[in-house]
N, C-alpha and C. Protein backbone atom coordinates (compact mmCIF):
# COMPACT_ATOMS: atom_id res chain seq x y z
N MET A 1 3.84 20.07 10.84
CA MET A 1 3.04 19.06 10.18
C MET A 1 3.97 18.13 9.39
N PRO A 2 3.73 16.82 9.46
CA PRO A 2 4.60 15.87 8.75
C PRO A 2 4.41 15.99 7.23
N ASP A 3 5.43 15.54 6.51
CA ASP A 3 5.34 15.53 5.05
C ASP A 3 4.28 14.53 4.61
N PRO A 4 3.57 14.83 3.52
CA PRO A 4 2.53 13.92 3.04
C PRO A 4 3.09 12.57 2.59
N LEU A 5 2.36 11.51 2.91
CA LEU A 5 2.70 10.16 2.45
C LEU A 5 1.77 9.71 1.33
N VAL A 6 0.58 10.32 1.28
CA VAL A 6 -0.43 9.93 0.29
C VAL A 6 -0.74 11.14 -0.58
N GLY A 7 -0.70 10.91 -1.88
CA GLY A 7 -1.11 11.94 -2.83
C GLY A 7 -2.49 11.59 -3.36
N ILE A 8 -3.38 12.55 -3.33
CA ILE A 8 -4.74 12.36 -3.84
C ILE A 8 -4.89 13.28 -5.05
N VAL A 9 -5.26 12.68 -6.18
CA VAL A 9 -5.33 13.42 -7.44
C VAL A 9 -6.72 13.21 -8.05
N VAL A 10 -7.30 14.29 -8.54
CA VAL A 10 -8.56 14.23 -9.28
C VAL A 10 -8.40 15.07 -10.54
N GLY A 11 -9.26 14.82 -11.50
CA GLY A 11 -9.17 15.53 -12.76
C GLY A 11 -9.88 16.86 -12.77
N SER A 12 -10.75 17.08 -11.80
CA SER A 12 -11.53 18.32 -11.75
C SER A 12 -11.79 18.69 -10.30
N ASP A 13 -11.79 19.97 -10.00
CA ASP A 13 -12.05 20.41 -8.63
C ASP A 13 -13.43 19.97 -8.15
N SER A 14 -14.36 19.76 -9.08
CA SER A 14 -15.70 19.32 -8.69
C SER A 14 -15.69 17.90 -8.10
N ASP A 15 -14.60 17.15 -8.27
CA ASP A 15 -14.50 15.80 -7.71
C ASP A 15 -14.09 15.80 -6.24
N ARG A 16 -13.65 16.93 -5.74
CA ARG A 16 -13.15 16.99 -4.36
C ARG A 16 -14.18 16.51 -3.33
N GLU A 17 -15.43 16.91 -3.50
CA GLU A 17 -16.46 16.53 -2.53
C GLU A 17 -16.59 15.01 -2.42
N ARG A 18 -16.53 14.31 -3.55
CA ARG A 18 -16.68 12.85 -3.50
C ARG A 18 -15.42 12.17 -2.96
N MET A 19 -14.32 12.88 -2.90
CA MET A 19 -13.08 12.33 -2.33
C MET A 19 -12.95 12.65 -0.85
N GLN A 20 -13.89 13.37 -0.30
CA GLN A 20 -13.83 13.81 1.09
C GLN A 20 -13.68 12.65 2.07
N GLY A 21 -14.29 11.51 1.78
CA GLY A 21 -14.16 10.35 2.66
C GLY A 21 -12.72 9.91 2.82
N ALA A 22 -11.93 10.02 1.78
CA ALA A 22 -10.51 9.66 1.88
C ALA A 22 -9.77 10.65 2.75
N LEU A 23 -10.06 11.92 2.56
CA LEU A 23 -9.38 12.95 3.36
C LEU A 23 -9.67 12.76 4.84
N GLU A 24 -10.93 12.53 5.15
CA GLU A 24 -11.33 12.35 6.55
C GLU A 24 -10.72 11.08 7.16
N GLU A 25 -10.69 10.00 6.38
CA GLU A 25 -10.12 8.74 6.88
C GLU A 25 -8.62 8.89 7.13
N LEU A 26 -7.92 9.52 6.23
CA LEU A 26 -6.48 9.72 6.43
C LEU A 26 -6.22 10.63 7.62
N ASP A 27 -7.02 11.69 7.76
CA ASP A 27 -6.89 12.58 8.92
C ASP A 27 -7.11 11.80 10.22
N ALA A 28 -8.13 10.96 10.24
CA ALA A 28 -8.45 10.20 11.45
C ALA A 28 -7.32 9.25 11.82
N ARG A 29 -6.58 8.80 10.85
CA ARG A 29 -5.47 7.88 11.09
C ARG A 29 -4.13 8.61 11.27
N GLY A 30 -4.16 9.92 11.17
CA GLY A 30 -2.94 10.70 11.34
C GLY A 30 -1.96 10.57 10.18
N ILE A 31 -2.48 10.28 8.99
CA ILE A 31 -1.64 10.13 7.81
C ILE A 31 -1.71 11.42 6.99
N ALA A 32 -0.56 12.03 6.78
CA ALA A 32 -0.51 13.29 6.03
C ALA A 32 -0.75 13.02 4.55
N TRP A 33 -1.44 13.97 3.90
CA TRP A 33 -1.79 13.82 2.49
C TRP A 33 -1.68 15.17 1.78
N GLU A 34 -1.63 15.10 0.45
CA GLU A 34 -1.73 16.29 -0.37
C GLU A 34 -2.82 16.05 -1.41
N PHE A 35 -3.44 17.12 -1.87
CA PHE A 35 -4.54 17.04 -2.83
C PHE A 35 -4.21 17.88 -4.05
N GLU A 36 -4.32 17.29 -5.23
CA GLU A 36 -4.00 17.98 -6.48
C GLU A 36 -5.12 17.79 -7.50
N VAL A 37 -5.35 18.79 -8.31
CA VAL A 37 -6.26 18.68 -9.45
C VAL A 37 -5.40 18.69 -10.70
N ARG A 38 -5.41 17.57 -11.42
CA ARG A 38 -4.62 17.42 -12.65
C ARG A 38 -5.40 16.52 -13.60
N SER A 39 -5.75 17.01 -14.74
CA SER A 39 -6.58 16.27 -15.68
C SER A 39 -5.73 15.48 -16.67
N ALA A 40 -6.02 14.18 -16.77
CA ALA A 40 -5.31 13.33 -17.73
C ALA A 40 -5.63 13.72 -19.16
N HIS A 41 -6.78 14.32 -19.38
CA HIS A 41 -7.18 14.69 -20.73
C HIS A 41 -6.82 16.14 -21.07
N ARG A 42 -7.00 17.04 -20.14
CA ARG A 42 -6.76 18.45 -20.42
C ARG A 42 -5.31 18.87 -20.23
N ASN A 43 -4.58 18.16 -19.36
CA ASN A 43 -3.19 18.52 -19.11
C ASN A 43 -2.37 17.27 -18.77
N PRO A 44 -2.17 16.37 -19.75
CA PRO A 44 -1.46 15.13 -19.47
C PRO A 44 -0.02 15.32 -19.02
N ASP A 45 0.63 16.39 -19.47
CA ASP A 45 2.01 16.63 -19.05
C ASP A 45 2.09 16.92 -17.55
N ALA A 46 1.12 17.63 -17.01
CA ALA A 46 1.10 17.92 -15.57
C ALA A 46 0.85 16.65 -14.77
N VAL A 47 0.02 15.76 -15.28
CA VAL A 47 -0.22 14.47 -14.61
C VAL A 47 1.07 13.65 -14.59
N ALA A 48 1.73 13.57 -15.73
CA ALA A 48 2.98 12.80 -15.82
C ALA A 48 4.04 13.37 -14.88
N GLU A 49 4.17 14.69 -14.85
CA GLU A 49 5.15 15.32 -13.97
C GLU A 49 4.84 15.03 -12.50
N TYR A 50 3.57 15.11 -12.13
CA TYR A 50 3.18 14.82 -10.75
C TYR A 50 3.56 13.39 -10.37
N ALA A 51 3.21 12.45 -11.24
CA ALA A 51 3.46 11.04 -10.94
C ALA A 51 4.96 10.73 -10.90
N ARG A 52 5.70 11.27 -11.85
CA ARG A 52 7.15 10.99 -11.92
C ARG A 52 7.90 11.56 -10.72
N THR A 53 7.41 12.63 -10.14
CA THR A 53 8.13 13.27 -9.03
C THR A 53 7.57 12.89 -7.66
N ALA A 54 6.54 12.08 -7.63
CA ALA A 54 5.87 11.75 -6.37
C ALA A 54 6.81 11.09 -5.35
N ARG A 55 7.53 10.08 -5.76
CA ARG A 55 8.43 9.38 -4.84
C ARG A 55 9.48 10.33 -4.28
N GLY A 56 10.05 11.15 -5.11
CA GLY A 56 11.07 12.10 -4.67
C GLY A 56 10.54 13.12 -3.68
N ARG A 57 9.23 13.36 -3.69
CA ARG A 57 8.62 14.28 -2.74
C ARG A 57 8.19 13.56 -1.46
N GLY A 58 8.47 12.25 -1.37
CA GLY A 58 8.17 11.50 -0.15
C GLY A 58 6.85 10.77 -0.15
N LEU A 59 6.09 10.88 -1.23
CA LEU A 59 4.82 10.16 -1.29
C LEU A 59 5.07 8.67 -1.42
N ARG A 60 4.17 7.87 -0.84
CA ARG A 60 4.33 6.42 -0.88
C ARG A 60 3.14 5.70 -1.50
N VAL A 61 1.99 6.38 -1.59
CA VAL A 61 0.79 5.81 -2.20
C VAL A 61 0.06 6.95 -2.90
N LEU A 62 -0.53 6.66 -4.05
CA LEU A 62 -1.32 7.65 -4.78
C LEU A 62 -2.76 7.16 -4.93
N ILE A 63 -3.71 8.04 -4.65
CA ILE A 63 -5.13 7.75 -4.82
C ILE A 63 -5.64 8.68 -5.92
N CYS A 64 -6.29 8.10 -6.92
CA CYS A 64 -6.79 8.89 -8.05
C CYS A 64 -8.30 8.70 -8.18
N GLY A 65 -9.04 9.78 -8.06
CA GLY A 65 -10.48 9.74 -8.27
C GLY A 65 -10.78 10.15 -9.70
N ALA A 66 -11.61 9.35 -10.40
CA ALA A 66 -11.88 9.65 -11.80
C ALA A 66 -13.24 9.10 -12.22
N GLY A 67 -13.92 9.87 -13.05
CA GLY A 67 -15.20 9.44 -13.60
C GLY A 67 -15.13 9.27 -15.10
N LEU A 68 -16.24 8.85 -15.68
CA LEU A 68 -16.38 8.64 -17.12
C LEU A 68 -15.28 7.72 -17.64
N ALA A 69 -14.41 8.21 -18.53
CA ALA A 69 -13.35 7.37 -19.10
C ALA A 69 -12.32 6.95 -18.06
N ALA A 70 -12.24 7.69 -16.97
CA ALA A 70 -11.39 7.36 -15.82
C ALA A 70 -9.95 7.04 -16.22
N ALA A 71 -9.38 7.88 -17.04
CA ALA A 71 -8.01 7.66 -17.50
C ALA A 71 -6.96 8.02 -16.45
N LEU A 72 -7.31 8.85 -15.49
CA LEU A 72 -6.32 9.38 -14.55
C LEU A 72 -5.54 8.30 -13.80
N PRO A 73 -6.18 7.31 -13.17
CA PRO A 73 -5.38 6.31 -12.45
C PRO A 73 -4.36 5.59 -13.33
N GLY A 74 -4.75 5.20 -14.52
CA GLY A 74 -3.83 4.53 -15.42
C GLY A 74 -2.72 5.45 -15.91
N ALA A 75 -3.07 6.70 -16.19
CA ALA A 75 -2.06 7.68 -16.63
C ALA A 75 -1.03 7.90 -15.52
N VAL A 76 -1.47 7.94 -14.29
CA VAL A 76 -0.56 8.09 -13.15
C VAL A 76 0.29 6.84 -12.98
N ALA A 77 -0.34 5.67 -13.01
CA ALA A 77 0.38 4.41 -12.81
C ALA A 77 1.43 4.18 -13.90
N ALA A 78 1.20 4.70 -15.09
CA ALA A 78 2.16 4.55 -16.18
C ALA A 78 3.44 5.34 -15.94
N GLN A 79 3.41 6.29 -14.99
CA GLN A 79 4.54 7.19 -14.78
C GLN A 79 5.25 7.00 -13.44
N THR A 80 4.81 6.00 -12.64
CA THR A 80 5.41 5.81 -11.31
C THR A 80 5.40 4.34 -10.95
N ASP A 81 6.27 3.97 -10.01
CA ASP A 81 6.23 2.61 -9.48
C ASP A 81 5.54 2.57 -8.11
N LEU A 82 5.01 3.70 -7.68
CA LEU A 82 4.26 3.73 -6.42
C LEU A 82 2.92 3.02 -6.59
N PRO A 83 2.35 2.48 -5.50
CA PRO A 83 1.01 1.91 -5.59
C PRO A 83 -0.01 3.00 -5.93
N VAL A 84 -0.91 2.68 -6.86
CA VAL A 84 -1.96 3.59 -7.28
C VAL A 84 -3.31 2.93 -7.01
N ILE A 85 -4.17 3.68 -6.34
CA ILE A 85 -5.53 3.21 -6.03
C ILE A 85 -6.50 4.10 -6.79
N GLY A 86 -7.34 3.49 -7.61
CA GLY A 86 -8.33 4.23 -8.37
C GLY A 86 -9.68 4.23 -7.68
N VAL A 87 -10.30 5.39 -7.64
CA VAL A 87 -11.65 5.53 -7.10
C VAL A 87 -12.57 5.90 -8.27
N PRO A 88 -13.39 4.96 -8.74
CA PRO A 88 -14.32 5.31 -9.81
C PRO A 88 -15.41 6.23 -9.27
N LEU A 89 -15.65 7.32 -9.99
CA LEU A 89 -16.62 8.31 -9.53
C LEU A 89 -17.83 8.37 -10.46
N ARG A 90 -19.00 8.51 -9.86
CA ARG A 90 -20.20 8.73 -10.65
C ARG A 90 -20.11 10.11 -11.30
N SER A 91 -20.79 10.25 -12.43
CA SER A 91 -20.83 11.53 -13.12
C SER A 91 -22.23 11.75 -13.66
N SER A 92 -22.69 12.98 -13.60
CA SER A 92 -24.00 13.30 -14.16
C SER A 92 -23.99 13.13 -15.68
N LYS A 93 -22.81 13.11 -16.28
CA LYS A 93 -22.69 12.95 -17.73
C LYS A 93 -22.66 11.49 -18.17
N SER A 94 -22.59 10.57 -17.20
CA SER A 94 -22.49 9.15 -17.51
C SER A 94 -23.88 8.51 -17.62
N VAL A 95 -24.05 7.68 -18.61
CA VAL A 95 -25.30 6.91 -18.71
C VAL A 95 -25.17 5.60 -17.96
N LEU A 96 -23.98 5.30 -17.43
CA LEU A 96 -23.74 4.04 -16.75
C LEU A 96 -23.55 4.19 -15.24
N ASP A 97 -23.77 5.39 -14.70
CA ASP A 97 -23.76 5.63 -13.26
C ASP A 97 -22.48 5.18 -12.55
N GLY A 98 -21.35 5.40 -13.18
CA GLY A 98 -20.07 5.05 -12.55
C GLY A 98 -19.50 3.72 -13.00
N LEU A 99 -20.32 2.87 -13.62
CA LEU A 99 -19.81 1.58 -14.11
C LEU A 99 -18.75 1.80 -15.18
N ASP A 100 -18.92 2.81 -16.01
CA ASP A 100 -17.91 3.12 -17.04
C ASP A 100 -16.57 3.42 -16.40
N ALA A 101 -16.55 4.20 -15.33
CA ALA A 101 -15.31 4.53 -14.63
C ALA A 101 -14.70 3.29 -13.99
N LEU A 102 -15.53 2.48 -13.36
CA LEU A 102 -15.04 1.25 -12.73
C LEU A 102 -14.37 0.35 -13.76
N LEU A 103 -15.04 0.14 -14.89
CA LEU A 103 -14.47 -0.73 -15.91
C LEU A 103 -13.18 -0.16 -16.48
N SER A 104 -13.10 1.14 -16.64
CA SER A 104 -11.88 1.76 -17.13
C SER A 104 -10.72 1.54 -16.17
N ILE A 105 -10.98 1.65 -14.89
CA ILE A 105 -9.92 1.54 -13.89
C ILE A 105 -9.43 0.10 -13.75
N VAL A 106 -10.32 -0.86 -13.81
CA VAL A 106 -9.90 -2.25 -13.57
C VAL A 106 -9.33 -2.93 -14.81
N GLN A 107 -9.38 -2.28 -15.96
CA GLN A 107 -8.90 -2.91 -17.19
C GLN A 107 -7.55 -2.36 -17.63
N MET A 108 -6.62 -2.24 -16.70
CA MET A 108 -5.29 -1.77 -17.03
C MET A 108 -4.51 -2.90 -17.72
N PRO A 109 -3.61 -2.52 -18.62
CA PRO A 109 -2.81 -3.54 -19.30
C PRO A 109 -1.75 -4.12 -18.37
N PRO A 110 -1.21 -5.28 -18.72
CA PRO A 110 -0.14 -5.87 -17.90
C PRO A 110 1.01 -4.88 -17.70
N GLY A 111 1.51 -4.84 -16.49
CA GLY A 111 2.63 -3.96 -16.16
C GLY A 111 2.23 -2.57 -15.70
N VAL A 112 0.92 -2.28 -15.72
CA VAL A 112 0.43 -0.97 -15.26
C VAL A 112 -0.67 -1.24 -14.22
N PRO A 113 -0.28 -1.71 -13.02
CA PRO A 113 -1.29 -2.08 -12.03
C PRO A 113 -1.97 -0.88 -11.39
N VAL A 114 -3.27 -0.99 -11.22
CA VAL A 114 -4.06 -0.01 -10.48
C VAL A 114 -5.06 -0.79 -9.63
N ALA A 115 -5.03 -0.57 -8.32
CA ALA A 115 -6.04 -1.16 -7.45
C ALA A 115 -7.32 -0.35 -7.61
N ALA A 116 -8.45 -0.97 -7.39
CA ALA A 116 -9.72 -0.25 -7.51
C ALA A 116 -10.59 -0.54 -6.30
N VAL A 117 -11.31 0.49 -5.87
CA VAL A 117 -12.29 0.34 -4.81
C VAL A 117 -13.66 0.59 -5.43
N GLY A 118 -14.70 0.50 -4.63
CA GLY A 118 -16.05 0.66 -5.13
C GLY A 118 -16.33 2.07 -5.62
N VAL A 119 -17.36 2.17 -6.44
CA VAL A 119 -17.77 3.45 -7.00
C VAL A 119 -18.10 4.43 -5.88
N ASP A 120 -17.52 5.62 -5.96
CA ASP A 120 -17.69 6.69 -4.97
C ASP A 120 -17.28 6.28 -3.56
N ASN A 121 -16.33 5.35 -3.43
CA ASN A 121 -15.93 4.87 -2.11
C ASN A 121 -14.48 5.29 -1.81
N ALA A 122 -14.27 6.58 -1.74
CA ALA A 122 -12.94 7.12 -1.45
C ALA A 122 -12.45 6.71 -0.07
N GLN A 123 -13.35 6.52 0.87
CA GLN A 123 -12.92 6.11 2.21
C GLN A 123 -12.17 4.78 2.14
N ASN A 124 -12.67 3.83 1.35
CA ASN A 124 -11.97 2.55 1.25
C ASN A 124 -10.60 2.71 0.60
N ALA A 125 -10.45 3.67 -0.30
CA ALA A 125 -9.13 3.92 -0.89
C ALA A 125 -8.15 4.36 0.20
N ALA A 126 -8.61 5.19 1.12
CA ALA A 126 -7.76 5.64 2.22
C ALA A 126 -7.44 4.48 3.17
N VAL A 127 -8.40 3.63 3.44
CA VAL A 127 -8.15 2.45 4.29
C VAL A 127 -7.10 1.56 3.63
N LEU A 128 -7.23 1.33 2.33
CA LEU A 128 -6.25 0.52 1.61
C LEU A 128 -4.88 1.18 1.63
N ALA A 129 -4.83 2.48 1.42
CA ALA A 129 -3.55 3.20 1.50
C ALA A 129 -2.91 3.02 2.87
N ALA A 130 -3.70 3.13 3.92
CA ALA A 130 -3.17 2.95 5.28
C ALA A 130 -2.61 1.54 5.46
N ARG A 131 -3.27 0.55 4.90
CA ARG A 131 -2.77 -0.82 5.01
C ARG A 131 -1.47 -0.98 4.23
N ILE A 132 -1.39 -0.36 3.05
CA ILE A 132 -0.15 -0.41 2.29
C ILE A 132 0.99 0.23 3.08
N LEU A 133 0.68 1.33 3.75
CA LEU A 133 1.67 2.03 4.57
C LEU A 133 1.93 1.32 5.89
N ASP A 134 1.10 0.35 6.22
CA ASP A 134 1.15 -0.35 7.51
C ASP A 134 1.00 0.63 8.66
N ALA A 135 0.06 1.59 8.46
CA ALA A 135 -0.17 2.62 9.46
C ALA A 135 -1.47 2.41 10.20
């Protein structure tokens, strides 16, 4: 099996189901990926370590699924120069049905770019990753 080119990160294992579209799209395109659960709030050091070492492990694009405050994509982008794609996720705890996550992801400060796709649209994140990879 080839080494992964795309890293997919979520803050909680319960987010995996909503990221399934990305996994399936990457599989369909023959793009190897890895999946990690690392919380920007509960374990920020693990997130930073993952992002800082991503390029050295051969990753070329990172996809981060996040709900509510959606800090994960920005926390990852702050630690790497790789392209980061944020997937805003709906949460049963949100009163804004994913809009809070979307706004958090698209409001990154200058110098910390994060691309964003539609709410719960992990498949589009994988399509964008494939285009970045020119695959």
